[in-house]
């Protein structure tokens, strides 16, 4: 059972209503996580601004989403893993890309290095070693892209932590457990959501 209130868009007023209308215009629906954030217009406004700005990141929407998927798996956020898996195809991610994001494994050396670094950032709370930083640089990432990987982790953590605290009710199909995706069904649409 959800532990924090969701703001009902039909009775929202003022800045809260404006922000929820913005979410609906952008996505066609208002996800439950946005309704939870709407308890504080400052939080929802900040989330929308951060998310919108990251849409123009040099690392690209695909890697940005893979980093957030990896963060969601690490933080055991079923809501974020499910919603990110559901919307991933619109960001250009295949089922195999979704699985790579969720597991942190990739055949692509550059993506694998970025996901490993993102995991290092999360696990060390940002206190990465010189060797970990050198490793992501050797994979072709400059300072701007490294900053964006860190920002993707932080954005993922924000939504993960909020949804874990709220126990936000799923309003998208639940993502399959990653273990089920790693078996013979790997690479199929069944691996993203059910």
C-alpha atoms as a PDB file:
ATOM      1  CA  UNK A   1       0.000   0.000   0.000  1.00  0.00           C
ATOM      2  CA  UNK A   2       1.327   3.411  -0.988  1.00  0.00           C
ATOM      3  CA  UNK A   3       2.719   5.254   2.043  1.00  0.00           C
ATOM      4  CA  UNK A   4       2.642   8.878   0.792  1.00  0.00           C
ATOM      5  CA  UNK A   5      -0.346  10.658  -0.665  1.00  0.00           C
ATOM      6  CA  UNK A   6      -0.764  11.187  -4.384  1.00  0.00           C
ATOM      7  CA  UNK A   7      -2.100  14.568  -5.435  1.00  0.00           C
ATOM      8  CA  UNK A   8      -5.286  14.205  -7.449  1.00  0.00           C
ATOM      9  CA  UNK A   9      -4.779  16.269 -10.637  1.00  0.00           C
ATOM     10  CA  UNK A  10      -8.524  16.955 -10.833  1.00  0.00           C
ATOM     11  CA  UNK A  11      -8.480  18.941  -7.585  1.00  0.00           C
ATOM     12  CA  UNK A  12      -4.957  20.378  -7.792  1.00  0.00           C
ATOM     13  CA  UNK A  13      -4.674  24.154  -7.845  1.00  0.00           C
ATOM     14  CA  UNK A  14      -2.166  26.873  -8.622  1.00  0.00           C
ATOM     15  CA  UNK A  15       1.429  25.907  -9.358  1.00  0.00           C
ATOM     16  CA  UNK A  16       0.743  22.247  -8.575  1.00  0.00           C
ATOM     17  CA  UNK A  17      -1.955  22.104 -11.273  1.00  0.00           C
ATOM     18  CA  UNK A  18       0.318  23.872 -13.781  1.00  0.00           C
ATOM     19  CA  UNK A  19       3.107  21.365 -13.164  1.00  0.00           C
ATOM     20  CA  UNK A  20       0.814  18.331 -13.392  1.00  0.00           C
ATOM     21  CA  UNK A  21      -0.625  19.745 -16.638  1.00  0.00           C
ATOM     22  CA  UNK A  22       2.957  20.045 -17.951  1.00  0.00           C
ATOM     23  CA  UNK A  23       3.602  16.392 -17.087  1.00  0.00           C
ATOM     24  CA  UNK A  24       0.403  15.316 -18.841  1.00  0.00           C
ATOM     25  CA  UNK A  25       1.241  17.354 -21.950  1.00  0.00           C
ATOM     26  CA  UNK A  26       4.730  15.857 -22.100  1.00  0.00           C
ATOM     27  CA  UNK A  27       3.801  12.204 -21.465  1.00  0.00           C
ATOM     28  CA  UNK A  28       0.105  11.944 -22.278  1.00  0.00           C
ATOM     29  CA  UNK A  29      -0.490  10.694 -18.720  1.00  0.00           C
ATOM     30  CA  UNK A  30       0.503  11.692 -15.209  1.00  0.00           C
ATOM     31  CA  UNK A  31       2.572   8.875 -13.687  1.00  0.00           C
ATOM     32  CA  UNK A  32       1.961   8.099 -10.026  1.00  0.00           C
ATOM     33  CA  UNK A  33       5.479   9.211  -9.181  1.00  0.00           C
ATOM     34  CA  UNK A  34       4.645  12.736 -10.419  1.00  0.00           C
ATOM     35  CA  UNK A  35       1.500  12.723  -8.282  1.00  0.00           C
ATOM     36  CA  UNK A  36       3.648  11.886  -5.248  1.00  0.00           C
ATOM     37  CA  UNK A  37       6.178  14.602  -6.139  1.00  0.00           C
ATOM     38  CA  UNK A  38       3.278  17.067  -6.486  1.00  0.00           C
ATOM     39  CA  UNK A  39       2.942  17.089  -2.691  1.00  0.00           C
ATOM     40  CA  UNK A  40       5.692  19.702  -3.033  1.00  0.00           C
ATOM     41  CA  UNK A  41       5.511  21.882  -6.166  1.00  0.00           C
ATOM     42  CA  UNK A  42       9.180  22.780  -5.566  1.00  0.00           C
ATOM     43  CA  UNK A  43      10.160  19.105  -5.816  1.00  0.00           C
ATOM     44  CA  UNK A  44       8.087  18.399  -8.925  1.00  0.00           C
ATOM     45  CA  UNK A  45       9.324  21.593 -10.595  1.00  0.00           C
ATOM     46  CA  UNK A  46      12.956  20.705  -9.795  1.00  0.00           C
ATOM     47  CA  UNK A  47      12.518  17.156 -11.082  1.00  0.00           C
ATOM     48  CA  UNK A  48      10.990  18.372 -14.354  1.00  0.00           C
ATOM     49  CA  UNK A  49      13.747  20.956 -14.860  1.00  0.00           C
ATOM     50  CA  UNK A  50      16.509  18.411 -14.107  1.00  0.00           C
ATOM     51  CA  UNK A  51      14.929  15.752 -16.348  1.00  0.00           C
ATOM     52  CA  UNK A  52      14.376  18.189 -19.201  1.00  0.00           C
ATOM     53  CA  UNK A  53      17.937  19.505 -19.016  1.00  0.00           C
ATOM     54  CA  UNK A  54      19.361  15.970 -19.029  1.00  0.00           C
ATOM     55  CA  UNK A  55      17.462  15.327 -22.266  1.00  0.00           C
ATOM     56  CA  UNK A  56      20.188  17.374 -23.970  1.00  0.00           C
ATOM     57  CA  UNK A  57      23.117  15.560 -22.371  1.00  0.00           C
ATOM     58  CA  UNK A  58      26.147  14.661 -24.510  1.00  0.00           C
ATOM     59  CA  UNK A  59      25.999  11.044 -23.340  1.00  0.00           C
ATOM     60  CA  UNK A  60      22.689  10.709 -25.165  1.00  0.00           C
ATOM     61  CA  UNK A  61      19.245   9.635 -24.045  1.00  0.00           C
ATOM     62  CA  UNK A  62      20.033   5.942 -24.442  1.00  0.00           C
ATOM     63  CA  UNK A  63      23.019   5.856 -22.067  1.00  0.00           C
ATOM     64  CA  UNK A  64      21.305   8.295 -19.680  1.00  0.00           C
ATOM     65  CA  UNK A  65      18.400   5.845 -19.398  1.00  0.00           C
ATOM     66  CA  UNK A  66      20.699   2.831 -19.068  1.00  0.00           C
ATOM     67  CA  UNK A  67      22.486   4.531 -16.160  1.00  0.00           C
ATOM     68  CA  UNK A  68      19.147   5.254 -14.482  1.00  0.00           C
ATOM     69  CA  UNK A  69      18.072   1.634 -15.036  1.00  0.00           C
ATOM     70  CA  UNK A  70      21.293   0.399 -13.445  1.00  0.00           C
ATOM     71  CA  UNK A  71      20.817   2.764 -10.515  1.00  0.00           C
ATOM     72  CA  UNK A  72      17.215   1.595 -10.085  1.00  0.00           C
ATOM     73  CA  UNK A  73      18.279  -2.047  -9.989  1.00  0.00           C
ATOM     74  CA  UNK A  74      21.009  -1.302  -7.446  1.00  0.00           C
ATOM     75  CA  UNK A  75      18.572   0.682  -5.287  1.00  0.00           C
ATOM     76  CA  UNK A  76      15.862  -2.017  -5.598  1.00  0.00           C
ATOM     77  CA  UNK A  77      13.299   0.461  -6.918  1.00  0.00           C
ATOM     78  CA  UNK A  78      10.634  -1.624  -8.623  1.00  0.00           C
ATOM     79  CA  UNK A  79       8.663   1.461  -9.639  1.00  0.00           C
ATOM     80  CA  UNK A  80      11.573   3.127 -11.442  1.00  0.00           C
ATOM     81  CA  UNK A  81      12.813  -0.089 -13.028  1.00  0.00           C
ATOM     82  CA  UNK A  82       9.303  -0.765 -14.328  1.00  0.00           C
ATOM     83  CA  UNK A  83       8.590   2.715 -15.671  1.00  0.00           C
ATOM     84  CA  UNK A  84      12.059   3.076 -17.209  1.00  0.00           C
ATOM     85  CA  UNK A  85      11.691  -0.323 -18.884  1.00  0.00           C
ATOM     86  CA  UNK A  86       8.245   0.628 -20.176  1.00  0.00           C
ATOM     87  CA  UNK A  87       9.352   3.937 -21.720  1.00  0.00           C
ATOM     88  CA  UNK A  88      12.813   2.754 -22.831  1.00  0.00           C
ATOM     89  CA  UNK A  89      11.770   1.908 -26.416  1.00  0.00           C
ATOM     90  CA  UNK A  90      10.745   5.550 -26.941  1.00  0.00           C
ATOM     91  CA  UNK A  91      14.316   6.490 -25.936  1.00  0.00           C
ATOM     92  CA  UNK A  92      15.692   4.120 -28.561  1.00  0.00           C
ATOM     93  CA  UNK A  93      16.508   1.195 -26.252  1.00  0.00           C
ATOM     94  CA  UNK A  94      15.993  -2.366 -27.412  1.00  0.00           C
ATOM     95  CA  UNK A  95      15.192  -5.179 -24.973  1.00  0.00           C
ATOM     96  CA  UNK A  96      18.919  -6.052 -25.014  1.00  0.00           C
ATOM     97  CA  UNK A  97      19.782  -2.411 -24.182  1.00  0.00           C
ATOM     98  CA  UNK A  98      17.328  -2.478 -21.281  1.00  0.00           C
ATOM     99  CA  UNK A  99      18.917  -5.667 -19.965  1.00  0.00           C
ATOM    100  CA  UNK A 100      22.390  -4.109 -20.327  1.00  0.00           C
ATOM    101  CA  UNK A 101      21.254  -1.122 -18.300  1.00  0.00           C
ATOM    102  CA  UNK A 102      19.685  -3.250 -15.620  1.00  0.00           C
ATOM    103  CA  UNK A 103      22.674  -5.603 -15.258  1.00  0.00           C
ATOM    104  CA  UNK A 104      25.488  -3.162 -16.004  1.00  0.00           C
ATOM    105  CA  UNK A 105      26.816  -5.575 -18.623  1.00  0.00           C
ATOM    106  CA  UNK A 106      27.262  -4.783 -22.296  1.00  0.00           C
ATOM    107  CA  UNK A 107      29.115  -6.128 -25.295  1.00  0.00           C
ATOM    108  CA  UNK A 108      29.868  -2.507 -26.197  1.00  0.00           C
ATOM    109  CA  UNK A 109      33.107  -1.573 -24.386  1.00  0.00           C
ATOM    110  CA  UNK A 110      32.159   2.112 -24.083  1.00  0.00           C
ATOM    111  CA  UNK A 111      28.704   1.446 -22.607  1.00  0.00           C
ATOM    112  CA  UNK A 112      30.129  -1.214 -20.285  1.00  0.00           C
ATOM    113  CA  UNK A 113      32.726   1.273 -19.001  1.00  0.00           C
ATOM    114  CA  UNK A 114      30.102   3.988 -18.456  1.00  0.00           C
ATOM    115  CA  UNK A 115      27.796   1.620 -16.569  1.00  0.00           C
ATOM    116  CA  UNK A 116      30.704   0.322 -14.459  1.00  0.00           C
ATOM    117  CA  UNK A 117      31.670   3.890 -13.603  1.00  0.00           C
ATOM    118  CA  UNK A 118      28.064   4.776 -12.758  1.00  0.00           C
ATOM    119  CA  UNK A 119      27.961   1.779 -10.438  1.00  0.00           C
ATOM    120  CA  UNK A 120      31.275   2.851  -8.876  1.00  0.00           C
ATOM    121  CA  UNK A 121      29.827   6.324  -8.253  1.00  0.00           C
ATOM    122  CA  UNK A 122      26.751   4.850  -6.611  1.00  0.00           C
ATOM    123  CA  UNK A 123      28.595   2.252  -4.533  1.00  0.00           C
ATOM    124  CA  UNK A 124      31.241   4.718  -3.295  1.00  0.00           C
ATOM    125  CA  UNK A 125      28.829   7.655  -2.893  1.00  0.00           C
ATOM    126  CA  UNK A 126      30.967   9.516  -5.408  1.00  0.00           C
ATOM    127  CA  UNK A 127      34.318   8.763  -3.814  1.00  0.00           C
ATOM    128  CA  UNK A 128      35.653   6.950  -6.875  1.00  0.00           C
ATOM    129  CA  UNK A 129      39.317   6.034  -7.131  1.00  0.00           C
ATOM    130  CA  UNK A 130      41.753   7.535  -9.624  1.00  0.00           C
ATOM    131  CA  UNK A 131      41.812   4.146 -11.347  1.00  0.00           C
ATOM    132  CA  UNK A 132      38.006   4.095 -11.750  1.00  0.00           C
ATOM    133  CA  UNK A 133      38.080   7.608 -13.178  1.00  0.00           C
ATOM    134  CA  UNK A 134      40.952   6.733 -15.522  1.00  0.00           C
ATOM    135  CA  UNK A 135      39.053   3.675 -16.716  1.00  0.00           C
ATOM    136  CA  UNK A 136      36.019   5.667 -17.855  1.00  0.00           C
ATOM    137  CA  UNK A 137      38.299   8.259 -19.471  1.00  0.00           C
ATOM    138  CA  UNK A 138      40.141   5.528 -21.397  1.00  0.00           C
ATOM    139  CA  UNK A 139      36.756   4.412 -22.745  1.00  0.00           C
ATOM    140  CA  UNK A 140      36.427   7.813 -24.416  1.00  0.00           C
ATOM    141  CA  UNK A 141      34.497   9.877 -21.889  1.00  0.00           C
ATOM    142  CA  UNK A 142      35.574  13.462 -21.250  1.00  0.00           C
ATOM    143  CA  UNK A 143      34.852  15.591 -18.217  1.00  0.00           C
ATOM    144  CA  UNK A 144      31.476  16.816 -19.550  1.00  0.00           C
ATOM    145  CA  UNK A 145      30.280  13.263 -20.117  1.00  0.00           C
ATOM    146  CA  UNK A 146      31.616  12.106 -16.741  1.00  0.00           C
ATOM    147  CA  UNK A 147      29.651  14.892 -15.065  1.00  0.00           C
ATOM    148  CA  UNK A 148      26.552  13.750 -16.991  1.00  0.00           C
ATOM    149  CA  UNK A 149      26.999  10.128 -15.889  1.00  0.00           C
ATOM    150  CA  UNK A 150      27.190  11.317 -12.278  1.00  0.00           C
ATOM    151  CA  UNK A 151      24.088  13.480 -12.818  1.00  0.00           C
ATOM    152  CA  UNK A 152      22.229  10.493 -14.287  1.00  0.00           C
ATOM    153  CA  UNK A 153      23.062   8.484 -11.165  1.00  0.00           C
ATOM    154  CA  UNK A 154      21.868  11.324  -8.939  1.00  0.00           C
ATOM    155  CA  UNK A 155      18.618  11.765 -10.863  1.00  0.00           C
ATOM    156  CA  UNK A 156      18.037   8.021 -10.651  1.00  0.00           C
ATOM    157  CA  UNK A 157      18.732   8.022  -6.915  1.00  0.00           C
ATOM    158  CA  UNK A 158      16.270  10.844  -6.322  1.00  0.00           C
ATOM    159  CA  UNK A 159      13.380   9.023  -7.989  1.00  0.00           C
ATOM    160  CA  UNK A 160      14.463   5.655  -6.518  1.00  0.00           C
ATOM    161  CA  UNK A 161      14.611   6.973  -2.977  1.00  0.00           C
ATOM    162  CA  UNK A 162      11.319   8.860  -3.238  1.00  0.00           C
ATOM    163  CA  UNK A 163       9.468   5.910  -4.752  1.00  0.00           C
ATOM    164  CA  UNK A 164      10.984   3.507  -2.224  1.00  0.00           C
ATOM    165  CA  UNK A 165       9.908   5.784   0.652  1.00  0.00           C
ATOM    166  CA  UNK A 166       6.418   6.255  -0.827  1.00  0.00           C
ATOM    167  CA  UNK A 167       6.100   2.660  -2.019  1.00  0.00           C
ATOM    168  CA  UNK A 168       4.550   4.266  -5.079  1.00  0.00           C
ATOM    169  CA  UNK A 169       1.798   2.195  -6.626  1.00  0.00           C
ATOM    170  CA  UNK A 170       2.746   0.812 -10.042  1.00  0.00           C
ATOM    171  CA  UNK A 171       0.770   2.316 -12.890  1.00  0.00           C
ATOM    172  CA  UNK A 172       2.792   0.571 -15.608  1.00  0.00           C
ATOM    173  CA  UNK A 173       3.410  -3.149 -16.154  1.00  0.00           C
ATOM    174  CA  UNK A 174       5.910  -4.516 -13.649  1.00  0.00           C
ATOM    175  CA  UNK A 175       9.358  -5.250 -15.067  1.00  0.00           C
ATOM    176  CA  UNK A 176      10.365  -8.895 -15.045  1.00  0.00           C
ATOM    177  CA  UNK A 177      12.999  -9.786 -12.445  1.00  0.00           C
ATOM    178  CA  UNK A 178      16.414  -9.348 -14.044  1.00  0.00           C
ATOM    179  CA  UNK A 179      17.199 -13.025 -13.378  1.00  0.00           C
ATOM    180  CA  UNK A 180      14.310 -14.036 -15.660  1.00  0.00           C
ATOM    181  CA  UNK A 181      15.649 -11.740 -18.360  1.00  0.00           C
ATOM    182  CA  UNK A 182      19.098 -13.288 -18.195  1.00  0.00           C
ATOM    183  CA  UNK A 183      17.862 -16.718 -19.277  1.00  0.00           C
ATOM    184  CA  UNK A 184      16.711 -17.963 -22.658  1.00  0.00           C
ATOM    185  CA  UNK A 185      14.267 -15.061 -23.090  1.00  0.00           C
ATOM    186  CA  UNK A 186      17.120 -12.543 -23.171  1.00  0.00           C
ATOM    187  CA  UNK A 187      16.678  -9.983 -25.901  1.00  0.00           C
ATOM    188  CA  UNK A 188      12.920 -10.383 -26.183  1.00  0.00           C
ATOM    189  CA  UNK A 189      10.297  -7.847 -25.254  1.00  0.00           C
ATOM    190  CA  UNK A 190       9.292 -10.178 -22.389  1.00  0.00           C
ATOM    191  CA  UNK A 191      12.464  -9.071 -20.624  1.00  0.00           C
ATOM    192  CA  UNK A 192      11.344  -5.502 -20.252  1.00  0.00           C
ATOM    193  CA  UNK A 193       7.833  -5.652 -18.783  1.00  0.00           C
ATOM    194  CA  UNK A 194       5.032  -8.128 -18.162  1.00  0.00           C
END
